[in-house]
Amino acid sequence: MPRQQQPSAARPARRRSYDQFCATARALDSVGDRWTLLIVRELLGGPRRYTDLHADLPGVSTDVLASRLKDMEQTGLALRRKLPPPSGASVYELTARGHALRPVLAALAEWGAPALAERRPTDAVRAHWFALPLLRALEGVGHAGVLEVRLAEGVFHLHVGGGAGAVLPGAETYGPVYGYGPADRPDARIVLDAEVCLELARGGATFAETVKDGRVEVAGEGPLAAGLRGF
């Protein structure tokens, strides 16, 4: 009988590459796979558990999500760490290089906004998916602070202000640009609907116009709330 060949040790799979000496190609080597940039979108809100990511990325399989997260760790876009007791849960978070993709996501959101003219019956939606378009609409607001955003689809909060664009204080350290759920102590609160968010994203109206015509309600007594009312 022929001698049965022993299985060789598994070799790590080589990541697919365009093999082009081009900055765009190199970037796509890291973030061009399906789901990767959407994982970055989720992690822009801060550290998240695997189960949270899976819940807010409808349609991704568990195998693909695990594979993408592993790839992101290997390419220096994200890291995994354990939260201190009593939680002890493992979370994923962006590195500085991962956070540097924020303007890329913002540009893609701006470019893709016209395609949201009609919501398809199969489209999932999460309130925090409107964070980046709202940040763009709030560029130039004169007071920094935490803004709680309330939609029928859910609640999230944004770090805005300073007049140089909607960037939270200390953004040079690449902190999260939004957060999940209501803020503990928001400096202001707005209530609006998804249609208004879409209009702002498409440039069909300014934030000031939506406040003036009553489609955005601003609550709060501090400088940020006052600035939003007169923005």
Foldseek 3Di string as FASTA:
>chain_A
DDDDDDDDDDDDDDQDFPPDPDPVRVVCSQQVDPPLVVLLLVQLQPWDALVVSPVVPPPDDSVRSVVNLVSCVVVQQKDWDADDPPVRGIIIHGAPVSLVCLVVVLVVLLVCLVVVPDDDPPDDDAPCVLVSLVQQLQQQQAAWWKEWEDEPRAIKIATQHNRRTGAHPPCVNVHRGIHHHGDPDGQKYKYAYPVVSSCSSNVVDHLQVCLVVVRIDMDHDDPSSVSSPVD
